[in-house]
Amino acid sequence: MPNYLVTGASGQLGQCFQSLAKQFPKLRLYFVNANEVDITLTATLQSFYQVAPFDGIINCAAYTQVDQAEKEPEMAYKINVEGLKNVIAFAEEKSVSLIHFSTDYVFSGDTDQPYNEADHKDPQGVYGQSKNEGEELLLKSLCEHVIIRTSWLFSPYGNNFVKTIARLAKERSQLQVVEDQWGRPTYGLDLAKAVLHLIDNNSIYNFPILHYANQGKCNRKQFTDAIIKEMGIQCSVQGVTSENYPTLAKRPKFSILDTERIEQQLEITIPTWQNSLKNCIQILNS
């Protein structure tokens, strides 16, 4: 029975893994938050390993506040680069495997074609740059590893676009949302289930990089319209351009991830974002 340490267990993706753990009885998962294992402090990894040895790490620990990263780049780099460097060194020393998550923000978004795993990277902001540096460290490492890039993550847990829109739509009669940013929403529970399935059947490390996002593309306004419709709330949505809605960090205009590798090579069936949004809203409303 493989044993995996799941770091960042109190974050959005970590909670998704926690909610699915019982569906995978062949895997033993140890869930730890930053108070128990802080990836910026190697000693905490060593201490946990001595008490409960593990074969692999699912690293959900990350700095993900895209705009805040522009104000405090040192914090983004401390977690996304220096923290990951510690995890890699530990994994190499103990010969444990490492599953790490990255983002569509490693790409510039200045294209009209989906990005595959080998496409040129050109991150535009501090968050994307820090995640890109982490990727490069891991790709050069000696431990067994995989990088899974994802985009527009949402779930019933943590802070995310779906929960923010659901809250704002209840408070306001009209919202303004950008309609010139395109991507593929990703349901955290679908992503976590795919990862656990690939660990279960020993194919998670067949490729150094994988892309995972739900089927179907949309812009932010279309995503918002679908959220409000699914919630059954009366709220009008006005589409605006990114120029009309300035943010500290530049968002990719087109960051659609090509998921052919994980679908065709690893035979993972990916649901549509519309169906998974329905599932998410049902949980939020329950």
Protein backbone atom coordinates (compact mmCIF):
# COMPACT_ATOMS: atom_id res chain seq x y z
CA MET A 1 0.00 0.00 0.00
CA PRO A 2 1.67 3.28 -1.12
CA ASN A 3 1.87 5.98 1.55
CA TYR A 4 1.64 9.61 0.41
CA LEU A 5 2.09 12.82 2.34
CA VAL A 6 -0.33 15.54 1.18
CA THR A 7 1.04 18.99 2.01
CA GLY A 8 -1.14 22.09 2.05
CA ALA A 9 -4.06 19.94 3.21
CA SER A 10 -6.12 22.90 4.46
CA GLY A 11 -6.00 24.67 1.06
CA GLN A 12 -8.53 24.29 -1.73
CA LEU A 13 -6.88 21.37 -3.56
CA GLY A 14 -5.73 19.71 -0.33
CA GLN A 15 -9.32 19.62 0.90
CA CYS A 16 -10.39 18.06 -2.41
CA PHE A 17 -7.93 15.21 -1.82
CA GLN A 18 -9.19 14.81 1.75
CA SER A 19 -12.80 14.47 0.62
CA LEU A 20 -11.87 11.65 -1.81
CA ALA A 21 -9.43 9.66 0.35
CA LYS A 22 -11.94 6.98 1.38
CA GLN A 23 -12.65 6.17 -2.28
CA PHE A 24 -9.07 4.91 -2.65
CA PRO A 25 -8.56 2.30 0.09
CA LYS A 26 -5.31 1.02 -1.48
CA LEU A 27 -3.64 4.38 -0.80
CA ARG A 28 -2.68 5.65 2.62
CA LEU A 29 -2.74 9.45 2.64
CA TYR A 30 -1.29 11.59 5.44
CA PHE A 31 -2.82 15.09 5.37
CA VAL A 32 -0.79 17.92 6.88
CA ASN A 33 -1.29 21.69 6.95
CA ALA A 34 1.42 24.34 7.27
CA ASN A 35 1.35 24.14 11.07
CA GLU A 36 2.27 20.44 10.91
CA VAL A 37 4.61 20.41 7.90
CA ASP A 38 5.88 23.77 6.67
CA ILE A 39 7.69 23.23 3.36
CA THR A 40 9.81 26.33 4.01
CA LEU A 41 11.24 24.50 7.05
CA THR A 42 12.91 21.23 6.02
CA ALA A 43 13.08 20.01 9.62
CA THR A 44 9.28 19.67 9.74
CA LEU A 45 9.36 17.27 6.77
CA GLN A 46 12.13 15.25 8.42
CA SER A 47 10.25 15.09 11.73
CA PHE A 48 7.03 13.84 10.15
CA TYR A 49 8.89 11.25 8.07
CA GLN A 50 10.52 9.79 11.19
CA VAL A 51 7.10 9.25 12.78
CA ALA A 52 5.23 8.13 9.63
CA PRO A 53 7.45 7.25 6.64
CA PHE A 54 5.92 7.78 3.19
CA ASP A 55 6.73 6.80 -0.39
CA GLY A 56 5.61 9.98 -2.10
CA ILE A 57 4.49 13.57 -1.65
CA ILE A 58 1.46 15.25 -3.20
CA ASN A 59 2.50 18.87 -2.88
CA CYS A 60 -0.60 21.05 -2.60
CA ALA A 61 1.29 23.69 -0.60
CA ALA A 62 1.55 26.86 -2.68
CA TYR A 63 1.25 30.62 -2.68
CA THR A 64 -1.68 31.27 -5.06
CA GLN A 65 -2.73 34.90 -4.48
CA VAL A 66 -2.08 36.23 -7.96
CA ASP A 67 -2.49 39.97 -7.30
CA GLN A 68 -1.05 39.93 -3.77
CA ALA A 69 2.11 38.33 -5.19
CA GLU A 70 2.85 41.62 -6.97
CA LYS A 71 2.93 43.34 -3.56
CA GLU A 72 4.89 40.67 -1.71
CA PRO A 73 7.01 38.77 -4.26
CA GLU A 74 9.34 37.54 -1.52
CA MET A 75 6.48 35.55 0.05
CA ALA A 76 5.46 34.00 -3.29
CA TYR A 77 9.07 32.97 -3.94
CA LYS A 78 9.58 31.73 -0.38
CA ILE A 79 6.80 29.16 -0.79
CA ASN A 80 6.70 28.44 -4.54
CA VAL A 81 10.47 28.31 -5.10
CA GLU A 82 12.40 27.98 -1.82
CA GLY A 83 9.74 25.76 -0.25
CA LEU A 84 9.65 23.50 -3.29
CA LYS A 85 13.45 23.40 -3.31
CA ASN A 86 13.30 21.98 0.23
CA VAL A 87 10.73 19.37 -0.79
CA ILE A 88 12.87 18.34 -3.78
CA ALA A 89 16.02 18.00 -1.66
CA PHE A 90 14.10 15.89 0.87
CA ALA A 91 12.60 13.73 -1.91
CA GLU A 92 16.03 13.13 -3.41
CA GLU A 93 17.55 12.25 -0.03
CA LYS A 94 14.78 9.80 0.94
CA SER A 95 14.08 8.51 -2.60
CA VAL A 96 10.41 9.47 -2.41
CA SER A 97 8.30 10.50 -5.41
CA LEU A 98 6.88 13.99 -5.87
CA ILE A 99 3.62 15.14 -7.47
CA HIS A 100 3.58 18.91 -7.88
CA PHE A 101 0.91 21.29 -9.20
CA SER A 102 1.49 24.25 -11.47
CA THR A 103 -0.57 26.71 -13.44
CA ASP A 104 -1.61 28.14 -16.80
CA TYR A 105 0.02 31.38 -15.59
CA VAL A 106 3.43 30.03 -16.72
CA PHE A 107 2.22 30.95 -20.24
CA SER A 108 1.82 34.48 -21.60
CA GLY A 109 -1.62 33.89 -23.12
CA ASP A 110 -0.63 35.74 -26.30
CA THR A 111 -1.90 33.06 -28.67
CA ASP A 112 -5.09 31.57 -30.04
CA GLN A 113 -4.01 27.93 -29.80
CA PRO A 114 -4.25 25.61 -26.77
CA TYR A 115 -0.99 25.12 -24.88
CA ASN A 116 0.52 21.65 -24.75
CA GLU A 117 3.05 20.49 -22.15
CA ALA A 118 6.11 21.35 -24.28
CA ASP A 119 5.07 24.85 -25.40
CA HIS A 120 7.22 27.89 -24.70
CA LYS A 121 6.66 29.45 -21.28
CA ASP A 122 6.59 33.20 -20.68
CA PRO A 123 4.98 34.09 -17.34
CA GLN A 124 3.77 37.69 -17.09
CA GLY A 125 3.55 38.24 -13.33
CA VAL A 126 5.24 37.35 -10.05
CA TYR A 127 2.93 34.42 -9.31
CA GLY A 128 3.50 32.82 -12.73
CA GLN A 129 7.23 33.51 -12.55
CA SER A 130 7.52 31.87 -9.14
CA LYS A 131 5.60 28.80 -10.31
CA ASN A 132 7.75 28.62 -13.45
CA GLU A 133 10.97 28.71 -11.41
CA GLY A 134 9.58 25.90 -9.27
CA GLU A 135 8.85 23.86 -12.39
CA GLU A 136 12.40 24.31 -13.67
CA LEU A 137 13.86 23.16 -10.34
CA LEU A 138 11.74 20.02 -10.36
CA LEU A 139 12.47 19.16 -14.00
CA LYS A 140 16.21 19.16 -13.18
CA SER A 141 15.78 17.11 -10.01
CA LEU A 142 16.79 13.49 -9.48
CA CYS A 143 13.61 12.39 -7.72
CA GLU A 144 10.76 10.63 -9.49
CA HIS A 145 8.31 13.41 -10.24
CA VAL A 146 5.45 14.84 -12.26
CA ILE A 147 4.24 18.42 -12.72
CA ILE A 148 0.50 18.79 -13.25
CA ARG A 149 -0.54 22.14 -14.68
CA THR A 150 -4.13 23.20 -14.20
CA SER A 151 -6.26 26.31 -14.72
CA TRP A 152 -9.19 28.24 -13.24
CA LEU A 153 -9.47 25.89 -10.25
CA PHE A 154 -12.81 25.80 -8.43
CA SER A 155 -14.41 23.56 -5.80
CA PRO A 156 -16.66 23.74 -2.74
CA TYR A 157 -13.53 24.48 -0.67
CA GLY A 158 -11.22 27.43 -0.08
CA ASN A 159 -11.36 30.69 -2.02
CA ASN A 160 -12.11 30.50 -5.73
CA PHE A 161 -13.93 32.22 -8.58
CA VAL A 162 -17.16 30.20 -8.29
CA LYS A 163 -17.57 30.90 -4.58
CA THR A 164 -16.72 34.59 -5.05
CA ILE A 165 -19.26 35.03 -7.86
CA ALA A 166 -21.91 33.10 -5.89
CA ARG A 167 -21.40 35.46 -2.95
CA LEU A 168 -21.33 38.69 -5.01
CA ALA A 169 -24.40 37.72 -7.05
CA LYS A 170 -26.40 37.45 -3.81
CA GLU A 171 -25.21 40.88 -2.68
CA ARG A 172 -25.57 42.86 -5.94
CA SER A 173 -28.06 43.19 -8.78
CA GLN A 174 -25.36 43.60 -11.44
CA LEU A 175 -21.78 42.41 -11.90
CA GLN A 176 -19.07 43.45 -14.35
CA VAL A 177 -16.86 40.59 -15.51
CA VAL A 178 -14.14 40.46 -18.16
CA GLU A 179 -15.05 38.67 -21.38
CA ASP A 180 -11.66 38.73 -23.12
CA GLN A 181 -9.92 36.15 -20.91
CA TRP A 182 -10.39 32.55 -22.10
CA GLY A 183 -9.58 29.34 -20.29
CA ARG A 184 -10.76 25.92 -19.15
CA PRO A 185 -12.27 25.80 -15.64
CA THR A 186 -11.03 22.90 -13.51
CA TYR A 187 -13.07 21.22 -10.79
CA GLY A 188 -10.69 20.40 -7.95
CA LEU A 189 -12.50 17.15 -7.10
CA ASP A 190 -12.12 15.92 -10.71
CA LEU A 191 -8.43 16.80 -10.68
CA ALA A 192 -7.77 15.11 -7.32
CA LYS A 193 -9.69 12.00 -8.40
CA ALA A 194 -7.65 11.75 -11.62
CA VAL A 195 -4.38 12.05 -9.68
CA LEU A 196 -5.37 9.39 -7.14
CA HIS A 197 -6.51 7.10 -9.97
CA LEU A 198 -3.14 7.50 -11.74
CA ILE A 199 -1.26 6.76 -8.51
CA ASP A 200 -3.51 3.73 -8.00
CA ASN A 201 -2.69 2.27 -11.43
CA ASN A 202 1.01 3.22 -11.37
CA SER A 203 0.97 5.56 -14.38
CA ILE A 204 1.26 8.96 -12.68
CA TYR A 205 5.00 9.26 -13.44
CA ASN A 206 4.86 8.19 -17.10
CA PHE A 207 5.40 11.81 -18.20
CA PRO A 208 7.30 14.70 -16.55
CA ILE A 209 4.48 17.20 -17.21
CA LEU A 210 0.73 16.73 -17.57
CA HIS A 211 -2.09 19.17 -18.23
CA TYR A 212 -5.47 18.72 -16.54
CA ALA A 213 -8.52 20.95 -17.02
CA ASN A 214 -12.18 20.18 -17.52
CA GLN A 215 -13.58 19.77 -21.02
CA GLY A 216 -14.83 22.91 -22.73
CA LYS A 217 -13.54 26.46 -22.94
CA CYS A 218 -15.19 29.71 -21.91
CA ASN A 219 -14.43 33.30 -21.06
CA ARG A 220 -14.86 34.71 -17.57
CA LYS A 221 -18.25 36.25 -18.35
CA GLN A 222 -19.60 32.98 -19.77
CA PHE A 223 -18.34 31.18 -16.66
CA THR A 224 -20.05 33.78 -14.47
CA ASP A 225 -23.34 33.48 -16.39
CA ALA A 226 -23.28 29.71 -15.88
CA ILE A 227 -22.56 30.05 -12.13
CA ILE A 228 -25.44 32.49 -11.61
CA LYS A 229 -27.84 30.38 -13.68
CA GLU A 230 -26.89 27.26 -11.72
CA MET A 231 -27.35 29.11 -8.42
CA GLY A 232 -30.81 30.27 -9.50
CA ILE A 233 -30.00 33.89 -8.59
CA GLN A 234 -31.35 37.03 -10.31
CA CYS A 235 -28.28 39.08 -11.22
CA SER A 236 -27.31 40.66 -14.56
CA VAL A 237 -23.74 40.34 -15.83
CA GLN A 238 -22.11 43.00 -17.98
CA GLY A 239 -19.08 41.99 -20.02
CA VAL A 240 -16.07 44.31 -19.94
CA THR A 241 -12.53 44.22 -21.31
CA SER A 242 -9.42 43.64 -19.22
CA GLU A 243 -8.51 47.29 -19.87
CA ASN A 244 -11.74 48.32 -18.11
CA TYR A 245 -10.97 46.07 -15.17
CA PRO A 246 -7.29 46.63 -14.26
CA THR A 247 -5.63 44.23 -11.82
CA LEU A 248 -2.19 44.27 -10.19
CA ALA A 249 -1.16 41.14 -12.07
CA LYS A 250 -1.67 40.75 -15.80
CA ARG A 251 -3.91 37.77 -16.61
CA PRO A 252 -3.31 35.58 -19.68
CA LYS A 253 -5.88 36.43 -22.36
CA PHE A 254 -5.90 32.88 -23.73
CA SER A 255 -4.59 30.13 -21.46
CA ILE A 256 -6.48 27.08 -22.68
CA LEU A 257 -4.55 23.94 -21.76
CA ASP A 258 -4.32 21.02 -24.19
CA THR A 259 -5.16 17.85 -22.20
CA GLU A 260 -4.69 15.30 -24.98
CA ARG A 261 -1.72 13.64 -23.25
CA ILE A 262 -3.55 12.75 -20.04
CA GLU A 263 -6.68 11.75 -21.97
CA GLN A 264 -5.15 9.73 -24.81
CA GLN A 265 -1.91 8.40 -23.31
CA LEU A 266 -3.12 7.81 -19.76
CA GLU A 267 -6.79 7.14 -20.64
CA ILE A 268 -8.29 9.63 -18.20
CA THR A 269 -11.86 10.68 -18.99
CA ILE A 270 -12.40 14.35 -18.17
CA PRO A 271 -15.93 15.69 -17.49
CA THR A 272 -17.17 18.98 -18.92
CA TRP A 273 -16.81 22.03 -16.72
CA GLN A 274 -20.57 22.60 -17.01
CA ASN A 275 -21.42 19.21 -15.46
CA SER A 276 -18.80 19.62 -12.76
CA LEU A 277 -20.05 23.13 -11.98
CA LYS A 278 -23.50 21.59 -11.37
CA ASN A 279 -21.92 19.12 -8.93
CA CYS A 280 -20.05 21.92 -7.17
CA ILE A 281 -23.12 24.13 -6.78
CA GLN A 282 -25.13 21.18 -5.43
CA ILE A 283 -22.54 20.71 -2.68
CA LEU A 284 -22.43 24.46 -1.94
CA ASN A 285 -26.23 24.57 -1.68
CA SER A 286 -26.51 21.45 0.47
